[in-house]
Protein backbone atom coordinates (compact mmCIF):
# COMPACT_ATOMS: atom_id res chain seq x y z
CA MET A 1 121.13 120.10 23.87
CA THR A 2 122.28 117.96 20.96
CA ILE A 3 125.74 116.36 20.84
CA LEU A 4 127.09 115.88 17.32
CA ASP A 5 130.01 113.45 17.58
CA ASP A 6 130.77 113.24 13.87
CA TYR A 7 129.85 116.76 12.78
CA ARG A 8 132.30 118.80 10.70
CA PRO A 9 131.52 122.45 9.89
CA PRO A 10 131.24 122.78 6.12
CA VAL A 11 133.95 124.56 4.16
CA ILE A 12 132.99 128.07 3.00
CA ALA A 13 134.40 128.53 -0.49
CA VAL A 14 136.07 131.87 -1.10
CA GLY A 15 133.36 132.80 -3.60
CA ALA A 16 130.71 132.16 -0.95
CA GLN A 17 132.40 134.31 1.70
CA THR A 18 130.01 137.19 1.11
CA GLU A 19 129.17 138.22 4.68
CA LEU A 20 131.50 140.57 6.50
CA LEU A 21 132.93 139.44 9.83
CA SER A 22 134.33 142.16 12.10
CA VAL A 23 137.26 141.29 14.37
CA ILE A 24 138.04 143.79 17.11
CA VAL A 25 141.57 143.74 18.47
CA ALA A 26 142.50 145.81 21.50
CA ALA A 27 146.21 146.57 21.78
CA TYR A 28 148.22 148.28 24.49
CA ASN A 29 152.00 148.07 24.88
CA ILE A 30 152.36 144.60 23.38
CA GLU A 31 155.06 145.26 20.79
CA ASP A 32 156.49 141.75 21.22
CA TYR A 33 153.17 140.05 20.44
CA ILE A 34 150.93 142.18 18.23
CA GLU A 35 152.51 141.29 14.87
CA ARG A 36 151.99 137.57 15.47
CA GLY A 37 148.39 138.19 16.54
CA LEU A 38 147.52 140.33 13.52
CA ASP A 39 149.23 137.89 11.14
CA SER A 40 147.08 135.09 12.54
CA ILE A 41 143.95 137.08 11.62
CA ARG A 42 145.25 138.14 8.22
CA ASN A 43 145.95 134.48 7.38
CA GLN A 44 142.45 133.26 8.16
CA THR A 45 140.86 130.97 5.60
CA TYR A 46 137.74 133.13 5.88
CA ARG A 47 138.89 136.19 3.96
CA ASN A 48 135.95 138.60 4.19
CA LEU A 49 137.13 140.27 7.38
CA GLU A 50 137.04 143.77 8.79
CA ILE A 51 139.95 143.93 11.23
CA ILE A 52 139.58 146.88 13.60
CA VAL A 53 142.68 147.38 15.72
CA VAL A 54 142.29 149.83 18.61
CA ASP A 55 145.65 151.12 19.80
CA ASP A 56 144.76 152.17 23.33
CA GLY A 57 147.42 154.84 23.83
CA SER A 58 150.45 152.55 23.56
CA THR A 59 153.77 154.11 24.55
CA ASP A 60 155.96 151.49 22.86
CA GLU A 61 156.11 150.38 19.21
CA THR A 62 152.66 148.75 19.23
CA GLY A 63 150.92 151.56 17.34
CA ARG A 64 153.56 151.74 14.61
CA ILE A 65 153.50 147.96 14.14
CA CYS A 66 149.72 148.14 13.70
CA ASP A 67 150.08 150.93 11.13
CA ARG A 68 152.57 148.85 9.13
CA ALA A 69 150.13 145.92 9.17
CA ALA A 70 147.34 148.21 7.91
CA ALA A 71 149.55 149.46 5.09
CA ALA A 72 150.11 145.84 4.03
CA ASP A 73 146.46 144.71 4.30
CA GLU A 74 143.53 146.92 3.35
CA ARG A 75 141.21 144.93 5.62
CA ILE A 76 142.96 146.37 8.69
CA ARG A 77 141.83 149.70 10.13
CA VAL A 78 143.77 151.15 13.06
CA ILE A 79 142.20 153.53 15.55
CA HIS A 80 144.65 155.37 17.78
CA LYS A 81 143.17 156.73 21.00
CA GLU A 82 144.15 157.89 24.45
CA ASN A 83 144.51 155.12 26.99
CA GLY A 84 141.13 154.21 28.43
CA GLY A 85 141.48 150.53 29.23
CA LEU A 86 140.44 147.33 27.51
CA ALA A 87 136.70 147.91 27.89
CA ASP A 88 136.88 151.37 26.32
CA ALA A 89 139.02 150.05 23.47
CA ARG A 90 136.56 147.27 22.68
CA ASN A 91 133.62 149.69 22.84
CA THR A 92 135.44 151.97 20.40
CA GLY A 93 135.88 149.04 18.04
CA MET A 94 132.20 148.10 18.25
CA ARG A 95 131.12 151.69 17.49
CA ASN A 96 133.17 151.56 14.30
CA MET A 97 132.35 148.07 13.05
CA THR A 98 130.17 147.37 10.01
CA GLY A 99 130.18 143.56 9.87
CA ARG A 100 127.23 141.18 10.18
CA TYR A 101 129.20 139.08 12.67
CA LEU A 102 131.41 140.08 15.58
CA ALA A 103 134.48 138.52 17.18
CA PHE A 104 137.19 139.75 19.54
CA MET A 105 140.86 138.92 19.88
CA ASP A 106 143.34 140.14 22.47
CA GLY A 107 146.40 141.51 20.71
CA ASP A 108 148.89 139.40 22.64
CA ASP A 109 147.18 136.12 21.68
CA TRP A 110 146.82 134.39 18.31
CA ILE A 111 144.31 132.17 16.52
CA ASP A 112 144.44 129.09 14.30
CA PRO A 113 144.09 129.74 10.53
CA ASP A 114 140.61 128.18 10.20
CA MET A 115 139.06 129.50 13.45
CA TYR A 116 136.60 131.98 11.96
CA GLU A 117 135.68 129.82 8.96
CA ARG A 118 134.86 126.86 11.23
CA MET A 119 132.90 128.94 13.73
CA LEU A 120 130.95 130.90 11.13
CA ALA A 121 130.20 127.80 9.06
CA ALA A 122 128.84 125.98 12.11
CA LEU A 123 126.81 129.03 13.19
CA LYS A 124 125.22 129.43 9.77
CA ASN A 125 124.77 125.71 9.15
CA ARG A 126 122.90 125.23 12.45
CA ASP A 127 121.05 128.58 12.19
CA ALA A 128 122.55 129.74 15.49
CA ASP A 129 123.01 133.14 17.11
CA ALA A 130 126.51 132.45 18.38
CA ALA A 131 129.39 130.02 18.24
CA VAL A 132 131.88 129.24 21.00
CA CYS A 133 135.13 127.30 20.74
CA ARG A 134 137.54 125.76 23.21
CA TYR A 135 140.93 127.41 23.64
CA ARG A 136 144.52 126.43 24.44
CA ARG A 137 146.13 127.73 27.62
CA VAL A 138 149.64 128.72 26.68
CA TYR A 139 152.16 128.86 29.52
CA ARG A 140 155.88 129.62 29.35
CA ASP A 141 156.75 125.94 29.74
CA ARG A 142 153.74 124.09 28.37
CA THR A 143 150.44 124.28 26.47
CA ASP A 144 147.21 122.73 27.76
CA ASP A 145 144.68 121.65 25.14
CA GLY A 146 141.54 119.80 26.23
CA SER A 147 140.02 119.50 22.76
CA VAL A 148 137.43 116.79 22.16
CA ASP A 149 136.28 115.84 18.68
CA ARG A 150 132.63 116.87 18.93
CA VAL A 151 130.20 119.75 18.46
CA VAL A 152 127.34 120.58 20.84
CA VAL A 153 124.23 122.58 19.97
CA PHE A 154 122.61 124.40 22.91
CA GLU A 155 118.98 125.47 22.68
CA GLY A 156 117.10 128.25 24.48
CA GLN A 157 118.94 129.34 27.62
CA GLU A 158 121.06 126.19 27.81
CA THR A 159 124.19 128.15 26.83
CA LEU A 160 123.64 130.53 29.73
CA GLU A 161 122.89 127.65 32.09
CA TYR A 162 126.05 125.66 31.27
CA TYR A 163 128.10 128.85 31.41
CA VAL A 164 126.82 129.73 34.89
CA ARG A 165 127.27 126.15 36.09
CA GLU A 166 130.93 126.31 35.03
CA ARG A 167 130.81 122.82 33.63
CA GLU A 168 134.39 121.82 32.79
CA GLU A 169 133.41 119.75 29.78
CA TYR A 170 132.13 122.94 28.09
CA ASP A 171 134.88 125.56 28.11
CA ILE A 172 132.56 128.53 27.58
CA GLN A 173 134.16 130.89 30.12
CA ASN A 174 133.75 134.64 30.67
CA ALA A 175 136.14 135.55 27.85
CA ALA A 176 134.93 137.57 24.88
CA TRP A 177 137.53 136.19 22.49
CA ASN A 178 136.45 132.55 22.05
CA LYS A 179 133.01 133.57 20.79
CA LEU A 180 131.44 134.66 17.51
CA TYR A 181 128.11 136.51 17.57
CA ARG A 182 125.52 137.68 15.13
CA ARG A 183 125.75 141.46 15.45
CA GLU A 184 122.08 141.87 16.39
CA ILE A 185 122.58 139.70 19.49
CA ILE A 186 125.05 142.21 20.92
CA GLY A 187 122.87 145.20 20.10
CA ASP A 188 123.36 147.83 22.78
CA ILE A 189 125.59 145.79 25.11
CA THR A 190 128.86 147.52 26.00
CA PHE A 191 131.80 146.74 28.23
CA PRO A 192 131.96 148.63 31.58
CA VAL A 193 134.55 151.34 31.02
CA GLY A 194 137.32 151.70 33.57
CA LYS A 195 136.83 148.21 35.00
CA TRP A 196 138.98 145.14 34.88
CA TYR A 197 137.27 141.74 34.35
CA GLU A 198 134.96 143.54 31.94
CA ASP A 199 134.07 140.27 30.15
CA ILE A 200 132.04 138.87 33.05
CA LEU A 201 128.86 140.92 32.73
CA PHE A 202 129.18 141.45 28.97
CA THR A 203 129.28 137.72 28.29
CA THR A 204 126.44 136.99 30.72
CA VAL A 205 124.11 139.50 29.06
CA ALA A 206 125.09 138.37 25.56
CA LEU A 207 124.55 134.67 26.27
CA SER A 208 121.17 135.42 27.87
CA ARG A 209 120.02 136.66 24.44
CA VAL A 210 121.27 133.63 22.52
CA GLN A 211 118.54 131.17 21.56
CA ARG A 212 120.79 128.67 19.80
CA CYS A 213 124.55 128.31 20.17
CA VAL A 214 127.04 125.97 18.55
CA TYR A 215 129.88 124.88 20.81
CA LEU A 216 132.93 123.58 18.96
CA ASP A 217 134.89 121.44 21.38
CA THR A 218 138.12 122.13 19.50
CA ALA A 219 140.74 124.68 20.52
CA TYR A 220 141.22 127.33 17.85
CA TYR A 221 142.28 130.20 20.12
CA ASN A 222 145.70 130.42 21.78
CA TYR A 223 145.53 132.30 25.07
CA ILE A 224 148.73 133.36 26.83
CA ILE A 225 148.25 132.71 30.54
CA ASP A 226 151.34 134.07 32.24
CA ARG A 227 152.50 137.08 30.24
CA GLU A 228 154.12 139.67 32.51
CA GLY A 229 151.82 142.66 32.87
CA SER A 230 148.67 140.73 31.96
CA ILE A 231 145.60 141.32 34.13
CA MET A 232 145.08 137.57 34.37
CA SER A 233 148.62 137.15 35.71
CA ALA A 234 148.15 139.74 38.43
CA LYS A 235 147.97 138.54 42.02
CA ILE A 236 145.16 139.60 44.33
CA ASN A 237 145.20 143.39 44.55
CA SER A 238 142.91 146.37 45.11
CA ARG A 239 141.17 145.75 41.75
CA THR A 240 140.09 142.36 43.08
CA PHE A 241 137.81 144.26 45.46
CA THR A 242 136.82 147.20 43.25
CA ASP A 243 136.33 145.30 39.96
CA HIS A 244 136.64 141.50 40.09
CA ILE A 245 134.42 140.52 43.02
CA PRO A 246 131.83 143.27 42.30
CA ALA A 247 131.57 142.05 38.69
CA TYR A 248 130.54 138.62 39.97
CA PHE A 249 127.91 140.10 42.26
CA GLU A 250 126.60 142.21 39.35
CA LYS A 251 126.28 138.99 37.37
CA THR A 252 124.16 137.53 40.17
CA GLU A 253 121.89 140.61 40.17
CA PHE A 254 121.47 140.38 36.39
CA LEU A 255 120.44 136.73 36.64
CA LYS A 256 117.85 137.67 39.25
CA ARG A 257 116.45 140.43 37.01
CA LEU A 258 116.31 137.89 34.20
CA GLY A 259 114.03 135.77 36.37
CA ARG A 260 116.63 133.04 36.89
CA GLN A 261 116.91 132.88 40.67
CA ASP A 262 118.03 129.27 40.25
CA LEU A 263 121.08 130.36 38.25
CA ALA A 264 121.69 133.28 40.62
CA ASP A 265 121.93 130.81 43.53
CA ILE A 266 124.32 128.57 41.61
CA HIS A 267 126.46 131.54 40.68
CA ASP A 268 126.55 132.74 44.29
CA TYR A 269 127.81 129.31 45.31
CA PHE A 270 130.75 129.68 42.94
CA ILE A 271 131.40 133.23 44.19
CA TYR A 272 131.63 132.03 47.78
CA LYS A 273 134.00 129.23 46.76
CA ARG A 274 136.19 131.85 45.05
CA LEU A 275 136.24 134.06 48.12
CA LEU A 276 137.70 131.22 50.16
CA LEU A 277 140.20 130.43 47.40
CA PHE A 278 141.29 134.08 47.40
CA TYR A 279 141.74 133.84 51.15
CA ASP A 280 143.81 130.67 50.76
CA GLN A 281 146.11 132.46 48.28
CA LEU A 282 146.73 135.25 50.78
CA ASP A 283 146.96 133.15 53.91
CA GLN A 284 150.72 132.52 54.00
CA SER A 285 151.83 135.89 52.70
CA GLU A 286 153.89 138.28 54.82
CA ASP A 287 153.13 141.24 52.55
CA PRO A 288 151.41 144.04 54.57
CA ASP A 289 149.01 144.67 51.66
CA ASP A 290 147.99 141.02 51.70
CA LYS A 291 147.17 141.28 55.40
CA VAL A 292 144.79 144.13 54.57
CA TYR A 293 143.24 142.07 51.77
CA ARG A 294 142.78 139.10 54.11
CA GLU A 295 140.89 141.35 56.52
CA LYS A 296 138.73 142.68 53.68
CA LEU A 297 137.94 139.16 52.52
CA THR A 298 137.11 138.05 56.05
CA GLN A 299 134.65 140.90 56.43
CA LEU A 300 133.15 140.31 53.00
CA ILE A 301 132.65 136.61 53.74
CA ARG A 302 130.98 137.42 57.05
CA ASP A 303 128.77 140.09 55.47
CA ASN A 304 127.26 137.49 53.12
CA ARG A 305 126.56 134.82 55.72
CA ASP A 306 122.77 135.26 55.46
CA HIS A 307 122.91 134.04 51.84
CA TYR A 308 124.95 130.90 52.35
CA GLU A 309 122.19 128.46 53.20
CA ARG A 310 120.41 129.20 49.94
CA ALA A 311 123.55 129.19 47.78
CA TYR A 312 125.01 126.02 49.29
CA GLY A 313 121.62 124.38 48.93
CA CYS A 314 121.70 124.63 45.12
CA PRO A 315 122.02 121.39 43.08
CA GLU A 316 125.60 122.16 42.06
CA ALA A 317 126.90 122.62 45.60
CA ASP A 318 129.27 120.17 47.26
CA PRO A 319 128.35 119.76 50.96
CA ARG A 320 132.05 119.75 51.81
CA ASP A 321 132.30 123.32 50.59
CA TYR A 322 129.59 124.40 53.02
CA ALA A 323 131.45 122.65 55.82
CA ARG A 324 134.59 124.61 54.91
CA MET A 325 132.65 127.87 54.93
CA LYS A 326 131.10 127.11 58.30
CA LEU A 327 134.53 126.38 59.73
CA PHE A 328 135.81 129.69 58.40
CA LEU A 329 132.92 131.59 59.96
CA GLU A 330 133.60 129.92 63.30
CA SER A 331 137.34 130.54 63.21
CA PRO A 332 139.48 131.74 60.26
CA SER A 333 142.62 130.55 62.07
CA ARG A 334 141.26 126.99 62.48
CA TYR A 335 140.16 127.06 58.86
CA SER A 336 143.68 128.09 57.79
CA ARG A 337 145.28 125.29 59.78
CA ARG A 338 142.99 122.75 58.15
CA VAL A 339 143.77 124.04 54.66
CA ARG A 340 147.50 123.86 55.34
CA LEU A 341 147.17 120.28 56.58
CA GLU A 342 145.17 119.31 53.51
CA LYS A 343 147.76 120.84 51.19
CA ARG A 344 150.61 119.14 53.01
CA PHE A 345 149.18 115.67 53.54
CA LEU A 346 145.70 114.94 52.18
CA ILE A 347 146.06 116.28 48.63
CA PRO A 348 149.41 114.48 47.96
CA LEU A 349 147.93 111.29 49.42
CA LYS A 350 144.92 111.45 47.09
CA ALA A 351 147.17 112.15 44.11
CA GLY A 352 149.30 109.12 45.01
CA LEU A 353 146.27 106.87 45.28
CA LYS A 354 145.06 108.00 41.86
CA ARG A 355 148.40 107.12 40.31
CA ILE A 356 148.29 103.68 41.92
CA LEU A 357 144.75 103.01 40.73
CA LYS A 358 145.68 103.98 37.16
CA ARG A 359 148.43 101.31 36.99
């Protein structure tokens, strides 16, 4: 890994923009957002774009807005299809792309004008297979931007390693849309059709093939966090158990097949932390469905108890997390009482002490 504190991706003059970059945009019932998103792509400083918009069976004005955008910009091609979900829409886009480079954007988000020029320039300048950028988290009442003025070059499987370790200083994430790939890296990888959280395995496989990656620690992508109807805004539901959690376990199995048992153990540790966090979210709910989900989580946590010693023994693990898991296995009710006490007293106390120390 090389940290480049003063690096600036070179400008790509319009005359030198000879390589085609394909942007795949999946759109479903987002009539209030899609025009802004498409305009942000059309206004990119890198002009040699193939913009493939897949209208996934929208029942509102989304499809017609996309058609109007295509009539105004010959770089846009709209594919209308029956609803098949985000994964199917992205796969459709990939089957129809012709570019040397590949990027994704969700139709309800938008990107900064120089995003693709910066990412492609850095990728080409450092002879990399992929580029990743930080992104802004856009809420209804605020925007979080953790940008740092630096660029990091990962070598070999370092990109995969930092991604699995979930290091906060490198905002790599599962998402498909903050990444730019050479087309040959993706090859035959597809998104799992019919599944939510389809990015998890796709990104893991893709990053395992990357031998050099440029990470731009600047936010160029604007991701809406709390849009009504968004998968990411959904509370714990049946898809958590049929799609979300299984996708994480599939990621573990892939890492094992790759010969990276060390990363599989680290990833399992983060899975088990998430299972307890899911339980915490459900713990105070009076919803009958949530009671069923709590019981499912309890059984799932108990079913994996034979793996905990190995996972919590990985270098990334916090011993306090293992203590929490052991308490849960002994008594979920005692565990719940402790979590409630921590939320009520310990966490506010720690936050107060931090404020005092900062004065």
